[in-house]
C-alpha atoms as a PDB file:
ATOM      1  CA  UNK A   1      46.310 -42.604-112.315  1.00  0.00           C
ATOM      2  CA  UNK A   2      49.921 -43.669-112.661  1.00  0.00           C
ATOM      3  CA  UNK A   3      52.980 -41.494-113.257  1.00  0.00           C
ATOM      4  CA  UNK A   4      56.708 -42.134-112.995  1.00  0.00           C
ATOM      5  CA  UNK A   5      58.713 -40.214-110.404  1.00  0.00           C
ATOM      6  CA  UNK A   6      62.478 -40.582-110.799  1.00  0.00           C
ATOM      7  CA  UNK A   7      61.861 -43.816-112.756  1.00  0.00           C
ATOM      8  CA  UNK A   8      59.558 -45.297-110.097  1.00  0.00           C
ATOM      9  CA  UNK A   9      55.863 -45.879-110.702  1.00  0.00           C
ATOM     10  CA  UNK A  10      53.643 -43.771-108.435  1.00  0.00           C
ATOM     11  CA  UNK A  11      49.862 -43.851-108.118  1.00  0.00           C
ATOM     12  CA  UNK A  12      48.230 -40.444-107.571  1.00  0.00           C
ATOM     13  CA  UNK A  13      44.738 -38.953-107.728  1.00  0.00           C
ATOM     14  CA  UNK A  14      43.388 -37.515-110.979  1.00  0.00           C
ATOM     15  CA  UNK A  15      44.029 -33.764-111.437  1.00  0.00           C
ATOM     16  CA  UNK A  16      46.889 -33.735-108.918  1.00  0.00           C
ATOM     17  CA  UNK A  17      49.243 -30.789-109.127  1.00  0.00           C
ATOM     18  CA  UNK A  18      52.983 -30.882-108.591  1.00  0.00           C
ATOM     19  CA  UNK A  19      52.422 -29.386-105.128  1.00  0.00           C
ATOM     20  CA  UNK A  20      49.964 -32.176-104.298  1.00  0.00           C
ATOM     21  CA  UNK A  21      52.489 -34.777-105.451  1.00  0.00           C
ATOM     22  CA  UNK A  22      55.180 -33.309-103.193  1.00  0.00           C
ATOM     23  CA  UNK A  23      52.801 -33.409-100.234  1.00  0.00           C
ATOM     24  CA  UNK A  24      51.887 -37.026-100.985  1.00  0.00           C
ATOM     25  CA  UNK A  25      55.571 -38.007-101.168  1.00  0.00           C
ATOM     26  CA  UNK A  26      56.491 -35.940 -98.071  1.00  0.00           C
ATOM     27  CA  UNK A  27      59.073 -33.952-100.031  1.00  0.00           C
ATOM     28  CA  UNK A  28      60.031 -30.482 -98.812  1.00  0.00           C
ATOM     29  CA  UNK A  29      59.959 -28.022-101.706  1.00  0.00           C
ATOM     30  CA  UNK A  30      63.077 -26.088-100.688  1.00  0.00           C
ATOM     31  CA  UNK A  31      66.164 -26.736-102.788  1.00  0.00           C
ATOM     32  CA  UNK A  32      64.569 -28.918-105.448  1.00  0.00           C
ATOM     33  CA  UNK A  33      63.868 -28.606-109.160  1.00  0.00           C
ATOM     34  CA  UNK A  34      61.143 -30.465-111.006  1.00  0.00           C
ATOM     35  CA  UNK A  35      60.831 -31.446-114.640  1.00  0.00           C
ATOM     36  CA  UNK A  36      57.852 -33.077-116.314  1.00  0.00           C
ATOM     37  CA  UNK A  37      58.652 -34.971-119.500  1.00  0.00           C
ATOM     38  CA  UNK A  38      62.089 -33.286-119.584  1.00  0.00           C
ATOM     39  CA  UNK A  39      60.658 -29.757-119.283  1.00  0.00           C
ATOM     40  CA  UNK A  40      61.618 -27.827-116.141  1.00  0.00           C
ATOM     41  CA  UNK A  41      58.604 -26.321-114.367  1.00  0.00           C
ATOM     42  CA  UNK A  42      59.145 -23.097-112.416  1.00  0.00           C
ATOM     43  CA  UNK A  43      58.280 -23.220-108.724  1.00  0.00           C
ATOM     44  CA  UNK A  44      55.599 -20.552-109.246  1.00  0.00           C
ATOM     45  CA  UNK A  45      53.702 -22.998-111.484  1.00  0.00           C
ATOM     46  CA  UNK A  46      53.788 -26.049-109.187  1.00  0.00           C
ATOM     47  CA  UNK A  47      50.343 -25.432-107.677  1.00  0.00           C
ATOM     48  CA  UNK A  48      48.699 -24.841-111.073  1.00  0.00           C
ATOM     49  CA  UNK A  49      50.429 -27.525-113.161  1.00  0.00           C
ATOM     50  CA  UNK A  50      48.385 -30.724-113.159  1.00  0.00           C
ATOM     51  CA  UNK A  51      49.994 -34.063-113.855  1.00  0.00           C
ATOM     52  CA  UNK A  52      48.744 -36.367-116.591  1.00  0.00           C
ATOM     53  CA  UNK A  53      48.654 -40.162-116.875  1.00  0.00           C
ATOM     54  CA  UNK A  54      52.121 -41.591-117.639  1.00  0.00           C
ATOM     55  CA  UNK A  55      53.965 -38.282-117.056  1.00  0.00           C
ATOM     56  CA  UNK A  56      57.671 -38.670-116.400  1.00  0.00           C
ATOM     57  CA  UNK A  57      58.487 -36.538-113.349  1.00  0.00           C
ATOM     58  CA  UNK A  58      62.082 -35.851-112.368  1.00  0.00           C
ATOM     59  CA  UNK A  59      62.789 -34.382-108.931  1.00  0.00           C
ATOM     60  CA  UNK A  60      66.332 -33.093-108.471  1.00  0.00           C
ATOM     61  CA  UNK A  61      67.706 -32.205-105.034  1.00  0.00           C
ATOM     62  CA  UNK A  62      70.263 -29.403-104.987  1.00  0.00           C
ATOM     63  CA  UNK A  63      73.443 -30.157-103.072  1.00  0.00           C
ATOM     64  CA  UNK A  64      76.168 -27.926-101.753  1.00  0.00           C
ATOM     65  CA  UNK A  65      79.793 -28.494-102.325  1.00  0.00           C
ATOM     66  CA  UNK A  66      82.923 -27.112-103.804  1.00  0.00           C
END
C-alpha cells in the first residue's frame, strides 16, 4: 500500500503501524512527533495505530535552540 511521508510517496505493508513505519525508515523515535492526516498521534499509540492507504504522515524532528 502507498502512503505519503513528509510529502514523499512510501510503499509499506498492509496493516503497518506507526512503529513499523519508523523501523522501515530507520528513524529513531526519540525527539519526534507524528501526525496522520493532520492529527497528532501520541507516542503511546504508535504501536497500535495502523496506517491506511493514502494516509498523509508528517514526521517532525524536535530541535534545540534559543
